[in-house]
PDB file of all heavy atoms in Angstrom:
ATOM      1  N   HIS A   1      46.494 123.597 246.079  1.00  0.00           N
ATOM      2  CA  HIS A   1      46.875 122.224 246.407  1.00  0.00           C
ATOM      3  C   HIS A   1      46.726 121.930 247.893  1.00  0.00           C
ATOM      4  O   HIS A   1      46.470 120.782 248.286  1.00  0.00           O
ATOM      5  CB  HIS A   1      48.304 121.955 245.935  1.00  0.00           C
ATOM      6  CG  HIS A   1      48.444 121.941 244.440  1.00  0.00           C
ATOM      7  ND1 HIS A   1      49.628 122.164 243.783  1.00  0.00           N
ATOM      8  CD2 HIS A   1      47.509 121.748 243.466  1.00  0.00           C
ATOM      9  CE1 HIS A   1      49.431 122.102 242.480  1.00  0.00           C
ATOM     10  NE2 HIS A   1      48.152 121.853 242.261  1.00  0.00           N
ATOM     11  N   GLU A   2      46.869 122.954 248.731  1.00  0.00           N
ATOM     12  CA  GLU A   2      46.642 122.772 250.169  1.00  0.00           C
ATOM     13  C   GLU A   2      45.213 122.309 250.435  1.00  0.00           C
ATOM     14  O   GLU A   2      44.957 121.596 251.407  1.00  0.00           O
ATOM     15  CB  GLU A   2      46.905 124.076 250.917  1.00  0.00           C
ATOM     16  CG  GLU A   2      48.367 124.412 251.104  1.00  0.00           C
ATOM     17  CD  GLU A   2      48.554 125.742 251.815  1.00  0.00           C
ATOM     18  OE1 GLU A   2      47.541 126.315 252.290  1.00  0.00           O
ATOM     19  OE2 GLU A   2      49.706 126.206 251.904  1.00  0.00           O
ATOM     20  N   SER A   3      44.290 122.735 249.578  1.00  0.00           N
ATOM     21  CA  SER A   3      42.872 122.379 249.737  1.00  0.00           C
ATOM     22  C   SER A   3      42.455 121.224 248.841  1.00  0.00           C
ATOM     23  O   SER A   3      41.275 120.896 248.765  1.00  0.00           O
ATOM     24  CB  SER A   3      41.993 123.601 249.440  1.00  0.00           C
ATOM     25  OG  SER A   3      42.294 124.648 250.336  1.00  0.00           O
ATOM     26  N   GLY A   4      43.406 120.647 248.126  1.00  0.00           N
ATOM     27  CA  GLY A   4      43.103 119.497 247.271  1.00  0.00           C
ATOM     28  C   GLY A   4      42.495 119.861 245.930  1.00  0.00           C
ATOM     29  O   GLY A   4      41.952 118.998 245.239  1.00  0.00           O
ATOM     30  N   ALA A   5      42.579 121.131 245.533  1.00  0.00           N
ATOM     31  CA  ALA A   5      42.018 121.568 244.252  1.00  0.00           C
ATOM     32  C   ALA A   5      43.074 121.494 243.152  1.00  0.00           C
ATOM     33  O   ALA A   5      44.269 121.635 243.403  1.00  0.00           O
ATOM     34  CB  ALA A   5      41.490 122.997 244.353  1.00  0.00           C
ATOM     35  N   LEU A   6      42.597 121.260 241.933  1.00  0.00           N
ATOM     36  CA  LEU A   6      43.462 121.300 240.765  1.00  0.00           C
ATOM     37  C   LEU A   6      43.614 122.750 240.291  1.00  0.00           C
ATOM     38  O   LEU A   6      42.766 123.596 240.570  1.00  0.00           O
ATOM     39  CB  LEU A   6      42.869 120.466 239.627  1.00  0.00           C
ATOM     40  CG  LEU A   6      42.759 118.957 239.842  1.00  0.00           C
ATOM     41  CD1 LEU A   6      41.984 118.322 238.685  1.00  0.00           C
ATOM     42  CD2 LEU A   6      44.131 118.311 239.977  1.00  0.00           C
ATOM     43  N   VAL A   7      44.685 123.003 239.556  1.00  0.00           N
ATOM     44  CA  VAL A   7      44.914 124.321 238.976  1.00  0.00           C
ATOM     45  C   VAL A   7      45.093 124.172 237.472  1.00  0.00           C
ATOM     46  O   VAL A   7      45.944 123.407 237.008  1.00  0.00           O
ATOM     47  CB  VAL A   7      46.159 124.998 239.577  1.00  0.00           C
ATOM     48  CG1 VAL A   7      46.452 126.315 238.855  1.00  0.00           C
ATOM     49  CG2 VAL A   7      45.974 125.232 241.056  1.00  0.00           C
ATOM     50  N   SER A   8      44.258 124.886 236.713  1.00  0.00           N
ATOM     51  CA  SER A   8      44.428 124.936 235.262  1.00  0.00           C
ATOM     52  C   SER A   8      44.804 126.357 234.874  1.00  0.00           C
ATOM     53  O   SER A   8      44.294 127.316 235.444  1.00  0.00           O
ATOM     54  CB  SER A   8      43.152 124.499 234.537  1.00  0.00           C
ATOM     55  OG  SER A   8      42.045 125.312 234.880  1.00  0.00           O
ATOM     56  N   VAL A   9      45.702 126.479 233.907  1.00  0.00           N
ATOM     57  CA  VAL A   9      46.178 127.790 233.464  1.00  0.00           C
ATOM     58  C   VAL A   9      46.032 127.890 231.952  1.00  0.00           C
ATOM     59  O   VAL A   9      46.603 127.079 231.210  1.00  0.00           O
ATOM     60  CB  VAL A   9      47.648 128.022 233.860  1.00  0.00           C
ATOM     61  CG1 VAL A   9      48.145 129.352 233.285  1.00  0.00           C
ATOM     62  CG2 VAL A   9      47.804 128.010 235.375  1.00  0.00           C
ATOM     63  N   ASP A  10      45.257 128.877 231.518  1.00  0.00           N
ATOM     64  CA  ASP A  10      45.190 129.197 230.097  1.00  0.00           C
ATOM     65  C   ASP A  10      46.300 130.201 229.815  1.00  0.00           C
ATOM     66  O   ASP A  10      46.231 131.356 230.235  1.00  0.00           O
ATOM     67  CB  ASP A  10      43.818 129.791 229.757  1.00  0.00           C
ATOM     68  CG  ASP A  10      43.651 130.082 228.266  1.00  0.00           C
ATOM     69  OD1 ASP A  10      44.671 130.176 227.553  1.00  0.00           O
ATOM     70  OD2 ASP A  10      42.496 130.229 227.819  1.00  0.00           O
ATOM     71  N   ALA A  11      47.330 129.744 229.114  1.00  0.00           N
ATOM     72  CA  ALA A  11      48.500 130.582 228.829  1.00  0.00           C
ATOM     73  C   ALA A  11      48.579 130.942 227.355  1.00  0.00           C
ATOM     74  O   ALA A  11      49.675 131.188 226.835  1.00  0.00           O
ATOM     75  CB  ALA A  11      49.774 129.867 229.273  1.00  0.00           C
ATOM     76  N   THR A  12      47.434 130.999 226.684  1.00  0.00           N
ATOM     77  CA  THR A  12      47.399 131.279 225.246  1.00  0.00           C
ATOM     78  C   THR A  12      48.114 132.571 224.891  1.00  0.00           C
ATOM     79  O   THR A  12      48.809 132.658 223.872  1.00  0.00           O
ATOM     80  CB  THR A  12      45.938 131.347 224.756  1.00  0.00           C
ATOM     81  OG1 THR A  12      45.327 130.061 224.921  1.00  0.00           O
ATOM     82  CG2 THR A  12      45.857 131.753 223.300  1.00  0.00           C
ATOM     83  N   PHE A  13      47.964 133.616 225.717  1.00  0.00           N
ATOM     84  CA  PHE A  13      48.568 134.918 225.430  1.00  0.00           C
ATOM     85  C   PHE A  13      50.092 134.849 225.412  1.00  0.00           C
ATOM     86  O   PHE A  13      50.735 135.726 224.842  1.00  0.00           O
ATOM     87  CB  PHE A  13      48.112 135.944 226.477  1.00  0.00           C
ATOM     88  CG  PHE A  13      47.160 136.982 225.960  1.00  0.00           C
ATOM     89  CD1 PHE A  13      46.157 136.648 225.070  1.00  0.00           C
ATOM     90  CD2 PHE A  13      47.252 138.299 226.367  1.00  0.00           C
ATOM     91  CE1 PHE A  13      45.277 137.602 224.586  1.00  0.00           C
ATOM     92  CE2 PHE A  13      46.379 139.271 225.901  1.00  0.00           C
ATOM     93  CZ  PHE A  13      45.393 138.921 225.003  1.00  0.00           C
ATOM     94  N   ALA A  14      50.667 133.846 226.060  1.00  0.00           N
ATOM     95  CA  ALA A  14      52.126 133.733 226.131  1.00  0.00           C
ATOM     96  C   ALA A  14      52.671 132.658 225.205  1.00  0.00           C
ATOM     97  O   ALA A  14      53.854 132.689 224.855  1.00  0.00           O
ATOM     98  CB  ALA A  14      52.564 133.430 227.563  1.00  0.00           C
ATOM     99  N   GLY A  15      51.831 131.696 224.798  1.00  0.00           N
ATOM    100  CA  GLY A  15      52.371 130.556 224.087  1.00  0.00           C
ATOM    101  C   GLY A  15      53.193 129.701 225.036  1.00  0.00           C
ATOM    102  O   GLY A  15      53.545 130.134 226.133  1.00  0.00           O
ATOM    103  N   PRO A  16      53.530 128.467 224.654  1.00  0.00           N
ATOM    104  CA  PRO A  16      54.261 127.578 225.574  1.00  0.00           C
ATOM    105  C   PRO A  16      55.771 127.818 225.581  1.00  0.00           C
ATOM    106  O   PRO A  16      56.540 126.919 225.881  1.00  0.00           O
ATOM    107  CB  PRO A  16      53.942 126.182 225.005  1.00  0.00           C
ATOM    108  CG  PRO A  16      53.763 126.419 223.551  1.00  0.00           C
ATOM    109  CD  PRO A  16      53.161 127.794 223.400  1.00  0.00           C
ATOM    110  N   ILE A  17      56.186 129.037 225.267  1.00  0.00           N
ATOM    111  CA  ILE A  17      57.606 129.385 225.262  1.00  0.00           C
ATOM    112  C   ILE A  17      57.899 130.471 226.276  1.00  0.00           C
ATOM    113  O   ILE A  17      58.936 130.480 226.934  1.00  0.00           O
ATOM    114  CB  ILE A  17      58.044 129.864 223.853  1.00  0.00           C
ATOM    115  CG1 ILE A  17      57.955 128.714 222.839  1.00  0.00           C
ATOM    116  CG2 ILE A  17      59.462 130.428 223.881  1.00  0.00           C
ATOM    117  CD1 ILE A  17      58.908 127.568 223.095  1.00  0.00           C
ATOM    118  N   CYS A  18      56.965 131.396 226.455  1.00  0.00           N
ATOM    119  CA  CYS A  18      57.206 132.558 227.317  1.00  0.00           C
ATOM    120  C   CYS A  18      56.865 132.303 228.780  1.00  0.00           C
ATOM    121  O   CYS A  18      57.263 133.085 229.645  1.00  0.00           O
ATOM    122  CB  CYS A  18      56.409 133.762 226.807  1.00  0.00           C
ATOM    123  SG  CYS A  18      56.902 134.290 225.152  1.00  0.00           S
ATOM    124  N   ILE A  19      56.093 131.269 229.066  1.00  0.00           N
ATOM    125  CA  ILE A  19      55.767 130.930 230.447  1.00  0.00           C
ATOM    126  C   ILE A  19      55.541 129.424 230.523  1.00  0.00           C
ATOM    127  O   ILE A  19      55.083 128.808 229.555  1.00  0.00           O
ATOM    128  CB  ILE A  19      54.523 131.718 230.941  1.00  0.00           C
ATOM    129  CG1 ILE A  19      54.396 131.614 232.465  1.00  0.00           C
ATOM    130  CG2 ILE A  19      53.254 131.265 230.250  1.00  0.00           C
ATOM    131  CD1 ILE A  19      53.370 132.586 233.048  1.00  0.00           C
ATOM    132  N   TYR A  20      55.892 128.809 231.650  1.00  0.00           N
ATOM    133  CA  TYR A  20      55.783 127.360 231.812  1.00  0.00           C
ATOM    134  C   TYR A  20      54.934 127.047 233.037  1.00  0.00           C
ATOM    135  O   TYR A  20      55.463 126.764 234.125  1.00  0.00           O
ATOM    136  CB  TYR A  20      57.171 126.734 231.940  1.00  0.00           C
ATOM    137  CG  TYR A  20      57.993 126.847 230.678  1.00  0.00           C
ATOM    138  CD1 TYR A  20      58.790 127.964 230.445  1.00  0.00           C
ATOM    139  CD2 TYR A  20      57.943 125.853 229.701  1.00  0.00           C
ATOM    140  CE1 TYR A  20      59.531 128.089 229.282  1.00  0.00           C
ATOM    141  CE2 TYR A  20      58.682 125.958 228.537  1.00  0.00           C
ATOM    142  CZ  TYR A  20      59.470 127.083 228.331  1.00  0.00           C
ATOM    143  OH  TYR A  20      60.197 127.194 227.168  1.00  0.00           O
ATOM    144  N   PRO A  21      53.606 127.083 232.909  1.00  0.00           N
ATOM    145  CA  PRO A  21      52.720 126.902 234.066  1.00  0.00           C
ATOM    146  C   PRO A  21      52.930 125.589 234.822  1.00  0.00           C
ATOM    147  O   PRO A  21      52.831 125.564 236.052  1.00  0.00           O
ATOM    148  CB  PRO A  21      51.325 126.955 233.443  1.00  0.00           C
ATOM    149  CG  PRO A  21      51.496 127.779 232.218  1.00  0.00           C
ATOM    150  CD  PRO A  21      52.845 127.406 231.694  1.00  0.00           C
ATOM    151  N   LEU A  22      53.227 124.498 234.094  1.00  0.00           N
ATOM    152  CA  LEU A  22      53.397 123.202 234.775  1.00  0.00           C
ATOM    153  C   LEU A  22      54.606 123.228 235.701  1.00  0.00           C
ATOM    154  O   LEU A  22      54.574 122.650 236.793  1.00  0.00           O
ATOM    155  CB  LEU A  22      53.538 122.083 233.748  1.00  0.00           C
ATOM    156  CG  LEU A  22      52.343 121.860 232.820  1.00  0.00           C
ATOM    157  CD1 LEU A  22      52.636 120.744 231.825  1.00  0.00           C
ATOM    158  CD2 LEU A  22      51.078 121.532 233.615  1.00  0.00           C
ATOM    159  N   LYS A  23      55.661 123.916 235.289  1.00  0.00           N
ATOM    160  CA  LYS A  23      56.850 124.025 236.128  1.00  0.00           C
ATOM    161  C   LYS A  23      56.613 124.941 237.321  1.00  0.00           C
ATOM    162  O   LYS A  23      57.355 124.897 238.306  1.00  0.00           O
ATOM    163  CB  LYS A  23      58.033 124.522 235.301  1.00  0.00           C
ATOM    164  CG  LYS A  23      58.478 123.532 234.228  1.00  0.00           C
ATOM    165  CD  LYS A  23      59.638 124.062 233.410  1.00  0.00           C
ATOM    166  CE  LYS A  23      60.050 123.053 232.340  1.00  0.00           C
ATOM    167  NZ  LYS A  23      61.178 123.560 231.514  1.00  0.00           N
ATOM    168  N   LEU A  24      55.575 125.770 237.224  1.00  0.00           N
ATOM    169  CA  LEU A  24      55.226 126.683 238.324  1.00  0.00           C
ATOM    170  C   LEU A  24      54.212 126.060 239.284  1.00  0.00           C
ATOM    171  O   LEU A  24      53.786 126.706 240.234  1.00  0.00           O
ATOM    172  CB  LEU A  24      54.661 127.987 237.756  1.00  0.00           C
ATOM    173  CG  LEU A  24      55.641 128.828 236.928  1.00  0.00           C
ATOM    174  CD1 LEU A  24      54.901 129.954 236.218  1.00  0.00           C
ATOM    175  CD2 LEU A  24      56.750 129.390 237.818  1.00  0.00           C
ATOM    176  N   GLY A  25      53.800 124.816 239.009  1.00  0.00           N
ATOM    177  CA  GLY A  25      52.909 124.116 239.925  1.00  0.00           C
ATOM    178  C   GLY A  25      51.519 123.845 239.405  1.00  0.00           C
ATOM    179  O   GLY A  25      50.723 123.179 240.073  1.00  0.00           O
ATOM    180  N   ALA A  26      51.175 124.341 238.217  1.00  0.00           N
ATOM    181  CA  ALA A  26      49.853 124.070 237.656  1.00  0.00           C
ATOM    182  C   ALA A  26      49.720 122.589 237.314  1.00  0.00           C
ATOM    183  O   ALA A  26      50.708 121.917 237.001  1.00  0.00           O
ATOM    184  CB  ALA A  26      49.624 124.916 236.413  1.00  0.00           C
ATOM    185  N   ASP A  27      48.498 122.094 237.366  1.00  0.00           N
ATOM    186  CA  ASP A  27      48.224 120.702 237.007  1.00  0.00           C
ATOM    187  C   ASP A  27      47.929 120.544 235.524  1.00  0.00           C
ATOM    188  O   ASP A  27      48.245 119.515 234.935  1.00  0.00           O
ATOM    189  CB  ASP A  27      47.027 120.193 237.815  1.00  0.00           C
ATOM    190  CG  ASP A  27      47.271 120.269 239.306  1.00  0.00           C
ATOM    191  OD1 ASP A  27      48.071 119.464 239.811  1.00  0.00           O
ATOM    192  OD2 ASP A  27      46.683 121.158 239.971  1.00  0.00           O
ATOM    193  N   LEU A  28      47.308 121.568 234.946  1.00  0.00           N
ATOM    194  CA  LEU A  28      46.906 121.524 233.541  1.00  0.00           C
ATOM    195  C   LEU A  28      47.248 122.851 232.869  1.00  0.00           C
ATOM    196  O   LEU A  28      46.952 123.916 233.407  1.00  0.00           O
ATOM    197  CB  LEU A  28      45.401 121.254 233.426  1.00  0.00           C
ATOM    198  CG  LEU A  28      44.908 119.925 234.006  1.00  0.00           C
ATOM    199  CD1 LEU A  28      43.407 119.965 234.253  1.00  0.00           C
ATOM    200  CD2 LEU A  28      45.270 118.768 233.069  1.00  0.00           C
ATOM    201  N   GLU A  29      47.852 122.776 231.723  1.00  0.00           N
ATOM    202  CA  GLU A  29      48.200 123.955 230.926  1.00  0.00           C
ATOM    203  C   GLU A  29      47.393 123.912 229.633  1.00  0.00           C
ATOM    204  O   GLU A  29      47.378 122.890 228.937  1.00  0.00           O
ATOM    205  CB  GLU A  29      49.694 123.956 230.614  1.00  0.00           C
ATOM    206  CG  GLU A  29      50.146 125.093 229.723  1.00  0.00           C
ATOM    207  CD  GLU A  29      51.642 125.065 229.448  1.00  0.00           C
ATOM    208  OE1 GLU A  29      52.382 124.369 230.182  1.00  0.00           O
ATOM    209  OE2 GLU A  29      52.071 125.737 228.481  1.00  0.00           O
ATOM    210  N   ILE A  30      46.708 125.007 229.328  1.00  0.00           N
ATOM    211  CA  ILE A  30      45.789 125.036 228.192  1.00  0.00           C
ATOM    212  C   ILE A  30      46.218 126.126 227.217  1.00  0.00           C
ATOM    213  O   ILE A  30      46.615 127.216 227.625  1.00  0.00           O
ATOM    214  CB  ILE A  30      44.341 125.324 228.658  1.00  0.00           C
ATOM    215  CG1 ILE A  30      43.931 124.328 229.753  1.00  0.00           C
ATOM    216  CG2 ILE A  30      43.361 125.259 227.481  1.00  0.00           C
ATOM    217  CD1 ILE A  30      42.660 124.720 230.490  1.00  0.00           C
ATOM    218  N   HIS A  31      46.110 125.820 225.917  1.00  0.00           N
ATOM    219  CA  HIS A  31      46.390 126.805 224.879  1.00  0.00           C
ATOM    220  C   HIS A  31      45.373 126.690 223.758  1.00  0.00           C
ATOM    221  O   HIS A  31      44.968 125.576 223.393  1.00  0.00           O
ATOM    222  CB  HIS A  31      47.778 126.589 224.254  1.00  0.00           C
ATOM    223  CG  HIS A  31      48.917 126.810 225.175  1.00  0.00           C
ATOM    224  ND1 HIS A  31      49.505 128.046 225.345  1.00  0.00           N
ATOM    225  CD2 HIS A  31      49.586 125.952 225.984  1.00  0.00           C
ATOM    226  CE1 HIS A  31      50.506 127.936 226.216  1.00  0.00           C
ATOM    227  NE2 HIS A  31      50.563 126.672 226.625  1.00  0.00           N
TER     228      HIS A  31
END
């Protein structure tokens, strides 16, 4: 974000229960 880039996180291995990428600063969460 300091450089103006987006962050996408593929969290399929965790499912949307074991990790919360958006709350950690990611812009897009993918499963």
